[in-house]
């Protein structure tokens, strides 16, 4: 027997996460009210608290890059520079 996954709209996720951040009801109460697993509500709440500051960015620019993504982009840049340098130096030996 396969279980179909439910896909929730962003509006629904926001509504549930917002209710969780209000802390007027417990996570267990919200889970039964919205027919969700408590862990899922906790995940959405955490995401809202971490990325909520980006909701009101001017011009719709959302900075959702994590620190790890930034570090990876820096590493890509360094590797490209090193590759270009090696290509230039190897041309002298050819």
C-alpha atoms as a PDB file:
ATOM      1  CA  UNK A   1       0.000   0.000   0.000  1.00  0.00           C
ATOM      2  CA  UNK A   2       1.507   3.301  -1.043  1.00  0.00           C
ATOM      3  CA  UNK A   3       0.891   6.536   0.775  1.00  0.00           C
ATOM      4  CA  UNK A   4       0.318   9.642  -1.309  1.00  0.00           C
ATOM      5  CA  UNK A   5       2.198  12.696  -0.136  1.00  0.00           C
ATOM      6  CA  UNK A   6       0.186  15.793   0.517  1.00  0.00           C
ATOM      7  CA  UNK A   7       1.380  19.052  -0.967  1.00  0.00           C
ATOM      8  CA  UNK A   8       0.467  22.149   0.974  1.00  0.00           C
ATOM      9  CA  UNK A   9       0.294  25.631  -0.452  1.00  0.00           C
ATOM     10  CA  UNK A  10       2.741  28.278   0.759  1.00  0.00           C
ATOM     11  CA  UNK A  11      -0.211  30.203   2.215  1.00  0.00           C
ATOM     12  CA  UNK A  12      -1.239  27.196   4.308  1.00  0.00           C
ATOM     13  CA  UNK A  13       2.336  26.646   5.513  1.00  0.00           C
ATOM     14  CA  UNK A  14       2.613  30.322   6.454  1.00  0.00           C
ATOM     15  CA  UNK A  15      -0.704  30.205   8.313  1.00  0.00           C
ATOM     16  CA  UNK A  16       0.314  27.141  10.318  1.00  0.00           C
ATOM     17  CA  UNK A  17       3.807  28.486  11.056  1.00  0.00           C
ATOM     18  CA  UNK A  18       2.370  31.816  12.145  1.00  0.00           C
ATOM     19  CA  UNK A  19      -0.049  30.088  14.513  1.00  0.00           C
ATOM     20  CA  UNK A  20       2.867  28.116  15.942  1.00  0.00           C
ATOM     21  CA  UNK A  21       4.912  31.273  16.543  1.00  0.00           C
ATOM     22  CA  UNK A  22       1.998  32.876  18.402  1.00  0.00           C
ATOM     23  CA  UNK A  23       2.269  30.036  20.946  1.00  0.00           C
ATOM     24  CA  UNK A  24      -1.389  30.363  21.959  1.00  0.00           C
ATOM     25  CA  UNK A  25      -1.820  26.633  21.350  1.00  0.00           C
ATOM     26  CA  UNK A  26       0.617  23.783  21.755  1.00  0.00           C
ATOM     27  CA  UNK A  27       2.226  22.141  18.749  1.00  0.00           C
ATOM     28  CA  UNK A  28       0.167  19.029  19.511  1.00  0.00           C
ATOM     29  CA  UNK A  29      -3.076  20.994  19.438  1.00  0.00           C
ATOM     30  CA  UNK A  30      -2.103  22.623  16.140  1.00  0.00           C
ATOM     31  CA  UNK A  31      -1.141  19.225  14.716  1.00  0.00           C
ATOM     32  CA  UNK A  32      -4.581  17.800  15.440  1.00  0.00           C
ATOM     33  CA  UNK A  33      -6.336  20.950  14.275  1.00  0.00           C
ATOM     34  CA  UNK A  34      -4.544  21.049  10.912  1.00  0.00           C
ATOM     35  CA  UNK A  35      -4.107  17.248  10.612  1.00  0.00           C
ATOM     36  CA  UNK A  36      -0.312  17.489  10.404  1.00  0.00           C
ATOM     37  CA  UNK A  37       2.633  15.874  12.152  1.00  0.00           C
ATOM     38  CA  UNK A  38       4.080  18.013  14.971  1.00  0.00           C
ATOM     39  CA  UNK A  39       7.567  17.747  13.471  1.00  0.00           C
ATOM     40  CA  UNK A  40       6.310  19.283  10.227  1.00  0.00           C
ATOM     41  CA  UNK A  41       4.845  22.229  12.111  1.00  0.00           C
ATOM     42  CA  UNK A  42       8.135  22.693  13.955  1.00  0.00           C
ATOM     43  CA  UNK A  43      10.041  22.651  10.667  1.00  0.00           C
ATOM     44  CA  UNK A  44       7.778  25.288   9.109  1.00  0.00           C
ATOM     45  CA  UNK A  45       7.982  27.428  12.256  1.00  0.00           C
ATOM     46  CA  UNK A  46      11.783  27.251  12.260  1.00  0.00           C
ATOM     47  CA  UNK A  47      11.897  28.188   8.558  1.00  0.00           C
ATOM     48  CA  UNK A  48       9.603  31.166   9.167  1.00  0.00           C
ATOM     49  CA  UNK A  49      11.694  32.407  12.073  1.00  0.00           C
ATOM     50  CA  UNK A  50      14.969  32.019  10.149  1.00  0.00           C
ATOM     51  CA  UNK A  51      13.810  33.489   6.831  1.00  0.00           C
ATOM     52  CA  UNK A  52      11.025  35.813   7.926  1.00  0.00           C
ATOM     53  CA  UNK A  53      13.335  38.815   7.786  1.00  0.00           C
ATOM     54  CA  UNK A  54      13.483  38.439   4.003  1.00  0.00           C
ATOM     55  CA  UNK A  55       9.740  38.892   3.539  1.00  0.00           C
ATOM     56  CA  UNK A  56       9.962  42.664   3.599  1.00  0.00           C
ATOM     57  CA  UNK A  57      13.074  43.118   1.460  1.00  0.00           C
ATOM     58  CA  UNK A  58      12.774  46.063  -0.966  1.00  0.00           C
ATOM     59  CA  UNK A  59      12.171  45.316  -4.663  1.00  0.00           C
ATOM     60  CA  UNK A  60      11.280  41.726  -3.854  1.00  0.00           C
ATOM     61  CA  UNK A  61      14.945  40.779  -3.440  1.00  0.00           C
ATOM     62  CA  UNK A  62      15.094  37.784  -1.159  1.00  0.00           C
ATOM     63  CA  UNK A  63      18.452  36.759   0.200  1.00  0.00           C
ATOM     64  CA  UNK A  64      17.866  33.102   0.945  1.00  0.00           C
ATOM     65  CA  UNK A  65      21.473  32.034   0.408  1.00  0.00           C
ATOM     66  CA  UNK A  66      22.847  30.268   3.387  1.00  0.00           C
ATOM     67  CA  UNK A  67      26.352  30.708   4.683  1.00  0.00           C
ATOM     68  CA  UNK A  68      27.302  27.388   3.126  1.00  0.00           C
ATOM     69  CA  UNK A  69      26.134  28.524  -0.316  1.00  0.00           C
ATOM     70  CA  UNK A  70      28.166  31.712  -0.004  1.00  0.00           C
ATOM     71  CA  UNK A  71      31.259  29.738   0.925  1.00  0.00           C
ATOM     72  CA  UNK A  72      30.749  27.441  -2.057  1.00  0.00           C
ATOM     73  CA  UNK A  73      30.473  30.392  -4.443  1.00  0.00           C
ATOM     74  CA  UNK A  74      33.687  31.849  -3.007  1.00  0.00           C
ATOM     75  CA  UNK A  75      35.425  28.511  -3.499  1.00  0.00           C
ATOM     76  CA  UNK A  76      34.210  28.328  -7.122  1.00  0.00           C
ATOM     77  CA  UNK A  77      35.644  31.796  -7.746  1.00  0.00           C
ATOM     78  CA  UNK A  78      39.013  30.845  -6.268  1.00  0.00           C
ATOM     79  CA  UNK A  79      39.161  27.644  -8.312  1.00  0.00           C
ATOM     80  CA  UNK A  80      38.360  29.538 -11.519  1.00  0.00           C
ATOM     81  CA  UNK A  81      41.148  32.009 -10.793  1.00  0.00           C
ATOM     82  CA  UNK A  82      43.593  29.182 -10.123  1.00  0.00           C
ATOM     83  CA  UNK A  83      42.579  27.421 -13.340  1.00  0.00           C
ATOM     84  CA  UNK A  84      43.113  30.561 -15.405  1.00  0.00           C
ATOM     85  CA  UNK A  85      46.507  31.105 -13.759  1.00  0.00           C
ATOM     86  CA  UNK A  86      47.539  27.514 -14.494  1.00  0.00           C
ATOM     87  CA  UNK A  87      46.421  27.799 -18.106  1.00  0.00           C
ATOM     88  CA  UNK A  88      48.477  30.979 -18.490  1.00  0.00           C
ATOM     89  CA  UNK A  89      51.573  29.420 -16.890  1.00  0.00           C
ATOM     90  CA  UNK A  90      51.272  26.167 -18.853  1.00  0.00           C
ATOM     91  CA  UNK A  91      51.197  28.136 -22.124  1.00  0.00           C
ATOM     92  CA  UNK A  92      54.773  29.272 -21.373  1.00  0.00           C
ATOM     93  CA  UNK A  93      55.993  25.664 -21.123  1.00  0.00           C
ATOM     94  CA  UNK A  94      54.292  24.461 -24.323  1.00  0.00           C
END
